[in-house]
PDB file of all heavy atoms in Angstrom:
ATOM      1  N   GLU A   1       7.670  75.291 -99.256  1.00  0.00           N
ATOM      2  CA  GLU A   1       7.887  75.395-100.702  1.00  0.00           C
ATOM      3  C   GLU A   1       8.435  74.110-101.309  1.00  0.00           C
ATOM      4  O   GLU A   1       8.265  73.850-102.490  1.00  0.00           O
ATOM      5  CB  GLU A   1       8.864  76.548-101.029  1.00  0.00           C
ATOM      6  CG  GLU A   1       8.427  77.895-100.517  1.00  0.00           C
ATOM      7  CD  GLU A   1       9.070  78.232 -99.173  1.00  0.00           C
ATOM      8  OE1 GLU A   1       9.388  77.290 -98.408  1.00  0.00           O
ATOM      9  OE2 GLU A   1       9.260  79.423 -98.893  1.00  0.00           O
ATOM     10  N   GLY A   2       9.165  73.300-100.500  1.00  0.00           N
ATOM     11  CA  GLY A   2       9.736  72.068-101.015  1.00  0.00           C
ATOM     12  C   GLY A   2      11.235  71.990-100.808  1.00  0.00           C
ATOM     13  O   GLY A   2      11.853  72.879-100.210  1.00  0.00           O
ATOM     14  N   LEU A   3      11.830  70.919-101.320  1.00  0.00           N
ATOM     15  CA  LEU A   3      13.256  70.668-101.101  1.00  0.00           C
ATOM     16  C   LEU A   3      14.124  71.697-101.828  1.00  0.00           C
ATOM     17  O   LEU A   3      15.175  72.091-101.304  1.00  0.00           O
ATOM     18  CB  LEU A   3      13.614  69.255-101.571  1.00  0.00           C
ATOM     19  CG  LEU A   3      15.059  68.825-101.331  1.00  0.00           C
ATOM     20  CD1 LEU A   3      15.388  68.788 -99.834  1.00  0.00           C
ATOM     21  CD2 LEU A   3      15.333  67.461-101.965  1.00  0.00           C
ATOM     22  N   CYS A   4      13.727  72.121-103.017  1.00  0.00           N
ATOM     23  CA  CYS A   4      14.542  73.089-103.762  1.00  0.00           C
ATOM     24  C   CYS A   4      14.792  74.342-102.935  1.00  0.00           C
ATOM     25  O   CYS A   4      15.917  74.849-102.873  1.00  0.00           O
ATOM     26  CB  CYS A   4      13.864  73.460-105.069  1.00  0.00           C
ATOM     27  SG  CYS A   4      13.733  72.123-106.257  1.00  0.00           S
ATOM     28  N   HIS A   5      13.747  74.842-102.284  1.00  0.00           N
ATOM     29  CA  HIS A   5      13.887  76.053-101.463  1.00  0.00           C
ATOM     30  C   HIS A   5      14.655  75.766-100.181  1.00  0.00           C
ATOM     31  O   HIS A   5      15.456  76.591 -99.737  1.00  0.00           O
ATOM     32  CB  HIS A   5      12.508  76.627-101.136  1.00  0.00           C
ATOM     33  CG  HIS A   5      11.928  77.424-102.259  1.00  0.00           C
ATOM     34  ND1 HIS A   5      11.436  76.833-103.402  1.00  0.00           N
ATOM     35  CD2 HIS A   5      11.768  78.779-102.421  1.00  0.00           C
ATOM     36  CE1 HIS A   5      10.995  77.783-104.215  1.00  0.00           C
ATOM     37  NE2 HIS A   5      11.172  78.955-103.650  1.00  0.00           N
ATOM     38  N   GLU A   6      14.405  74.614 -99.598  1.00  0.00           N
ATOM     39  CA  GLU A   6      15.110  74.279 -98.364  1.00  0.00           C
ATOM     40  C   GLU A   6      16.621  74.269 -98.582  1.00  0.00           C
ATOM     41  O   GLU A   6      17.394  74.659 -97.699  1.00  0.00           O
ATOM     42  CB  GLU A   6      14.651  72.911 -97.859  1.00  0.00           C
ATOM     43  CG  GLU A   6      15.270  72.535 -96.516  1.00  0.00           C
ATOM     44  CD  GLU A   6      14.603  71.327 -95.899  1.00  0.00           C
ATOM     45  OE1 GLU A   6      13.434  71.432 -95.493  1.00  0.00           O
ATOM     46  OE2 GLU A   6      15.259  70.262 -95.823  1.00  0.00           O
ATOM     47  N   LEU A   7      17.051  73.845 -99.777  1.00  0.00           N
ATOM     48  CA  LEU A   7      18.481  73.773-100.093  1.00  0.00           C
ATOM     49  C   LEU A   7      19.004  75.035-100.772  1.00  0.00           C
ATOM     50  O   LEU A   7      20.183  75.119-101.110  1.00  0.00           O
ATOM     51  CB  LEU A   7      18.758  72.560-100.981  1.00  0.00           C
ATOM     52  CG  LEU A   7      18.414  71.192-100.386  1.00  0.00           C
ATOM     53  CD1 LEU A   7      18.711  70.085-101.387  1.00  0.00           C
ATOM     54  CD2 LEU A   7      19.176  70.954 -99.091  1.00  0.00           C
ATOM     55  N   GLY A   8      18.118  76.018-100.994  1.00  0.00           N
ATOM     56  CA  GLY A   8      18.536  77.257-101.645  1.00  0.00           C
ATOM     57  C   GLY A   8      18.861  77.096-103.115  1.00  0.00           C
ATOM     58  O   GLY A   8      19.664  77.854-103.670  1.00  0.00           O
ATOM     59  N   LEU A   9      18.227  76.125-103.777  1.00  0.00           N
ATOM     60  CA  LEU A   9      18.549  75.824-105.175  1.00  0.00           C
ATOM     61  C   LEU A   9      17.375  76.062-106.122  1.00  0.00           C
ATOM     62  O   LEU A   9      17.423  75.661-107.283  1.00  0.00           O
ATOM     63  CB  LEU A   9      18.997  74.362-105.297  1.00  0.00           C
ATOM     64  CG  LEU A   9      20.293  73.993-104.575  1.00  0.00           C
ATOM     65  CD1 LEU A   9      20.490  72.481-104.574  1.00  0.00           C
ATOM     66  CD2 LEU A   9      21.484  74.684-105.230  1.00  0.00           C
ATOM     67  N   SER A  10      16.340  76.725-105.649  1.00  0.00           N
ATOM     68  CA  SER A  10      15.124  76.837-106.457  1.00  0.00           C
ATOM     69  C   SER A  10      15.366  77.557-107.781  1.00  0.00           C
ATOM     70  O   SER A  10      14.772  77.200-108.802  1.00  0.00           O
ATOM     71  CB  SER A  10      14.030  77.559-105.666  1.00  0.00           C
ATOM     72  OG  SER A  10      14.452  78.870-105.317  1.00  0.00           O
ATOM     73  N   ARG A  11      16.240  78.554-107.796  1.00  0.00           N
ATOM     74  CA  ARG A  11      16.477  79.302-109.031  1.00  0.00           C
ATOM     75  C   ARG A  11      17.421  78.573-109.979  1.00  0.00           C
ATOM     76  O   ARG A  11      17.606  78.991-111.123  1.00  0.00           O
ATOM     77  CB  ARG A  11      17.001  80.700-108.715  1.00  0.00           C
ATOM     78  CG  ARG A  11      15.960  81.578-108.027  1.00  0.00           C
ATOM     79  CD  ARG A  11      16.398  83.026-107.932  1.00  0.00           C
ATOM     80  NE  ARG A  11      15.323  83.859-107.412  1.00  0.00           N
ATOM     81  CZ  ARG A  11      14.358  84.388-108.154  1.00  0.00           C
ATOM     82  NH1 ARG A  11      14.339  84.162-109.456  1.00  0.00           N
ATOM     83  NH2 ARG A  11      13.416  85.142-107.605  1.00  0.00           N
ATOM     84  N   GLU A  12      18.029  77.494-109.503  1.00  0.00           N
ATOM     85  CA  GLU A  12      18.917  76.705-110.352  1.00  0.00           C
ATOM     86  C   GLU A  12      18.158  75.614-111.103  1.00  0.00           C
ATOM     87  O   GLU A  12      18.717  74.956-111.978  1.00  0.00           O
ATOM     88  CB  GLU A  12      20.022  76.062-109.498  1.00  0.00           C
ATOM     89  CG  GLU A  12      20.843  77.034-108.682  1.00  0.00           C
ATOM     90  CD  GLU A  12      21.636  77.981-109.554  1.00  0.00           C
ATOM     91  OE1 GLU A  12      21.973  77.613-110.692  1.00  0.00           O
ATOM     92  OE2 GLU A  12      21.913  79.108-109.094  1.00  0.00           O
ATOM     93  N   VAL A  13      16.904  75.401-110.719  1.00  0.00           N
ATOM     94  CA  VAL A  13      16.077  74.367-111.343  1.00  0.00           C
ATOM     95  C   VAL A  13      15.197  75.017-112.396  1.00  0.00           C
ATOM     96  O   VAL A  13      14.556  76.035-112.137  1.00  0.00           O
ATOM     97  CB  VAL A  13      15.216  73.641-110.287  1.00  0.00           C
ATOM     98  CG1 VAL A  13      14.297  72.623-110.937  1.00  0.00           C
ATOM     99  CG2 VAL A  13      16.122  72.962-109.254  1.00  0.00           C
ATOM    100  N   ASP A  14      15.152  74.443-113.587  1.00  0.00           N
ATOM    101  CA  ASP A  14      14.419  75.059-114.695  1.00  0.00           C
ATOM    102  C   ASP A  14      12.910  74.920-114.550  1.00  0.00           C
ATOM    103  O   ASP A  14      12.172  75.867-114.811  1.00  0.00           O
ATOM    104  CB  ASP A  14      14.874  74.441-116.023  1.00  0.00           C
ATOM    105  CG  ASP A  14      16.338  74.698-116.287  1.00  0.00           C
ATOM    106  OD1 ASP A  14      16.696  75.842-116.619  1.00  0.00           O
ATOM    107  OD2 ASP A  14      17.145  73.755-116.127  1.00  0.00           O
ATOM    108  N   ILE A  15      12.449  73.736-114.163  1.00  0.00           N
ATOM    109  CA  ILE A  15      11.015  73.487-114.039  1.00  0.00           C
ATOM    110  C   ILE A  15      10.749  72.814-112.702  1.00  0.00           C
ATOM    111  O   ILE A  15      11.284  71.736-112.416  1.00  0.00           O
ATOM    112  CB  ILE A  15      10.476  72.597-115.177  1.00  0.00           C
ATOM    113  CG1 ILE A  15      10.754  73.222-116.538  1.00  0.00           C
ATOM    114  CG2 ILE A  15       8.977  72.345-115.006  1.00  0.00           C
ATOM    115  CD1 ILE A  15      11.902  72.579-117.268  1.00  0.00           C
ATOM    116  N   ILE A  16       9.941  73.453-111.858  1.00  0.00           N
ATOM    117  CA  ILE A  16       9.523  72.873-110.583  1.00  0.00           C
ATOM    118  C   ILE A  16       8.061  72.497-110.691  1.00  0.00           C
ATOM    119  O   ILE A  16       7.200  73.337-110.922  1.00  0.00           O
ATOM    120  CB  ILE A  16       9.725  73.855-109.414  1.00  0.00           C
ATOM    121  CG1 ILE A  16      11.198  74.233-109.261  1.00  0.00           C
ATOM    122  CG2 ILE A  16       9.199  73.241-108.115  1.00  0.00           C
ATOM    123  CD1 ILE A  16      11.455  75.288-108.198  1.00  0.00           C
ATOM    124  N   MET A  17       7.786  71.208-110.535  1.00  0.00           N
ATOM    125  CA  MET A  17       6.408  70.725-110.574  1.00  0.00           C
ATOM    126  C   MET A  17       6.006  70.312-109.164  1.00  0.00           C
ATOM    127  O   MET A  17       6.834  69.843-108.381  1.00  0.00           O
ATOM    128  CB  MET A  17       6.302  69.537-111.545  1.00  0.00           C
ATOM    129  CG  MET A  17       4.952  68.843-111.550  1.00  0.00           C
ATOM    130  SD  MET A  17       4.925  67.505-110.330  1.00  0.00           S
ATOM    131  CE  MET A  17       3.306  66.826-110.642  1.00  0.00           C
ATOM    132  N   GLY A  18       4.758  70.508-108.815  1.00  0.00           N
ATOM    133  CA  GLY A  18       4.260  70.076-107.513  1.00  0.00           C
ATOM    134  C   GLY A  18       2.777  69.774-107.597  1.00  0.00           C
ATOM    135  O   GLY A  18       2.132  70.049-108.618  1.00  0.00           O
ATOM    136  N   THR A  19       2.234  69.199-106.530  1.00  0.00           N
ATOM    137  CA  THR A  19       0.813  68.835-106.521  1.00  0.00           C
ATOM    138  C   THR A  19       0.110  69.411-105.294  1.00  0.00           C
ATOM    139  O   THR A  19       0.734  69.787-104.311  1.00  0.00           O
ATOM    140  CB  THR A  19       0.615  67.309-106.527  1.00  0.00           C
ATOM    141  OG1 THR A  19       1.137  66.777-105.300  1.00  0.00           O
ATOM    142  CG2 THR A  19       1.315  66.661-107.704  1.00  0.00           C
ATOM    143  N   PHE A  20      -1.227  69.429-105.386  1.00  0.00           N
ATOM    144  CA  PHE A  20      -2.067  69.850-104.266  1.00  0.00           C
ATOM    145  C   PHE A  20      -2.826  68.670-103.657  1.00  0.00           C
ATOM    146  O   PHE A  20      -3.691  68.866-102.806  1.00  0.00           O
ATOM    147  CB  PHE A  20      -3.075  70.901-104.742  1.00  0.00           C
ATOM    148  CG  PHE A  20      -2.450  72.101-105.375  1.00  0.00           C
ATOM    149  CD1 PHE A  20      -2.641  72.377-106.718  1.00  0.00           C
ATOM    150  CD2 PHE A  20      -1.642  72.955-104.644  1.00  0.00           C
ATOM    151  CE1 PHE A  20      -2.067  73.475-107.319  1.00  0.00           C
ATOM    152  CE2 PHE A  20      -1.056  74.059-105.221  1.00  0.00           C
ATOM    153  CZ  PHE A  20      -1.269  74.320-106.571  1.00  0.00           C
ATOM    154  N   SER A  21      -2.526  67.461-104.089  1.00  0.00           N
ATOM    155  CA  SER A  21      -3.299  66.282-103.692  1.00  0.00           C
ATOM    156  C   SER A  21      -2.709  65.550-102.496  1.00  0.00           C
ATOM    157  O   SER A  21      -3.255  64.531-102.070  1.00  0.00           O
ATOM    158  CB  SER A  21      -3.403  65.318-104.875  1.00  0.00           C
ATOM    159  OG  SER A  21      -2.112  64.996-105.365  1.00  0.00           O
ATOM    160  N   LYS A  22      -1.629  66.075-101.926  1.00  0.00           N
ATOM    161  CA  LYS A  22      -0.976  65.387-100.815  1.00  0.00           C
ATOM    162  C   LYS A  22      -1.009  66.286 -99.576  1.00  0.00           C
ATOM    163  O   LYS A  22      -2.022  66.357 -98.903  1.00  0.00           O
ATOM    164  CB  LYS A  22       0.419  64.941-101.241  1.00  0.00           C
ATOM    165  CG  LYS A  22       0.323  63.956-102.415  1.00  0.00           C
ATOM    166  CD  LYS A  22       1.630  63.651-103.044  1.00  0.00           C
ATOM    167  CE  LYS A  22       1.455  62.648-104.181  1.00  0.00           C
ATOM    168  NZ  LYS A  22       0.645  63.148-105.313  1.00  0.00           N
ATOM    169  N   ALA A  23       0.073  66.970 -99.280  1.00  0.00           N
ATOM    170  CA  ALA A  23       0.083  67.797 -98.075  1.00  0.00           C
ATOM    171  C   ALA A  23      -0.979  68.896 -98.106  1.00  0.00           C
ATOM    172  O   ALA A  23      -1.443  69.347 -97.050  1.00  0.00           O
ATOM    173  CB  ALA A  23       1.460  68.419 -97.874  1.00  0.00           C
ATOM    174  N   PHE A  24      -1.393  69.319 -99.298  1.00  0.00           N
ATOM    175  CA  PHE A  24      -2.398  70.377 -99.410  1.00  0.00           C
ATOM    176  C   PHE A  24      -3.818  69.853 -99.198  1.00  0.00           C
ATOM    177  O   PHE A  24      -4.752  70.636 -99.059  1.00  0.00           O
ATOM    178  CB  PHE A  24      -2.304  71.066-100.769  1.00  0.00           C
ATOM    179  CG  PHE A  24      -1.152  72.022-100.894  1.00  0.00           C
ATOM    180  CD1 PHE A  24       0.143  71.564-101.070  1.00  0.00           C
ATOM    181  CD2 PHE A  24      -1.357  73.380-100.820  1.00  0.00           C
ATOM    182  CE1 PHE A  24       1.212  72.437-101.179  1.00  0.00           C
ATOM    183  CE2 PHE A  24      -0.301  74.276-100.928  1.00  0.00           C
ATOM    184  CZ  PHE A  24       0.990  73.797-101.103  1.00  0.00           C
ATOM    185  N   GLY A  25      -3.996  68.553 -99.232  1.00  0.00           N
ATOM    186  CA  GLY A  25      -5.299  67.971 -98.934  1.00  0.00           C
ATOM    187  C   GLY A  25      -6.370  68.249 -99.963  1.00  0.00           C
ATOM    188  O   GLY A  25      -7.562  68.114 -99.676  1.00  0.00           O
ATOM    189  N   SER A  26      -5.983  68.648-101.175  1.00  0.00           N
ATOM    190  CA  SER A  26      -6.980  68.976-102.192  1.00  0.00           C
ATOM    191  C   SER A  26      -6.697  68.184-103.460  1.00  0.00           C
ATOM    192  O   SER A  26      -6.565  66.963-103.418  1.00  0.00           O
ATOM    193  CB  SER A  26      -6.975  70.489-102.453  1.00  0.00           C
ATOM    194  OG  SER A  26      -8.025  70.847-103.329  1.00  0.00           O
ATOM    195  N   TYR A  27      -6.593  68.851-104.602  1.00  0.00           N
ATOM    196  CA  TYR A  27      -6.406  68.185-105.885  1.00  0.00           C
ATOM    197  C   TYR A  27      -5.802  69.175-106.865  1.00  0.00           C
ATOM    198  O   TYR A  27      -5.986  70.382-106.729  1.00  0.00           O
ATOM    199  CB  TYR A  27      -7.757  67.670-106.410  1.00  0.00           C
ATOM    200  CG  TYR A  27      -7.648  66.792-107.643  1.00  0.00           C
ATOM    201  CD1 TYR A  27      -7.089  65.524-107.566  1.00  0.00           C
ATOM    202  CD2 TYR A  27      -8.098  67.243-108.881  1.00  0.00           C
ATOM    203  CE1 TYR A  27      -6.983  64.718-108.694  1.00  0.00           C
ATOM    204  CE2 TYR A  27      -7.997  66.444-110.006  1.00  0.00           C
ATOM    205  CZ  TYR A  27      -7.439  65.186-109.905  1.00  0.00           C
ATOM    206  OH  TYR A  27      -7.331  64.384-111.021  1.00  0.00           O
ATOM    207  N   GLY A  28      -5.087  68.660-107.861  1.00  0.00           N
ATOM    208  CA  GLY A  28      -4.491  69.522-108.874  1.00  0.00           C
ATOM    209  C   GLY A  28      -2.981  69.522-108.791  1.00  0.00           C
ATOM    210  O   GLY A  28      -2.371  68.883-107.926  1.00  0.00           O
ATOM    211  N   ALA A  29      -2.348  70.257-109.710  1.00  0.00           N
ATOM    212  CA  ALA A  29      -0.886  70.333-109.767  1.00  0.00           C
ATOM    213  C   ALA A  29      -0.481  71.656-110.392  1.00  0.00           C
ATOM    214  O   ALA A  29      -1.315  72.402-110.915  1.00  0.00           O
ATOM    215  CB  ALA A  29      -0.326  69.165-110.575  1.00  0.00           C
TER     216      ALA A  29
END
């Protein structure tokens, strides 16, 4: 899920943005 989840802080962050063009091997965000 990313660093926010690893640290247990995902619900404390207002907007989480991510992409599919890197580890996902595809495209988009």
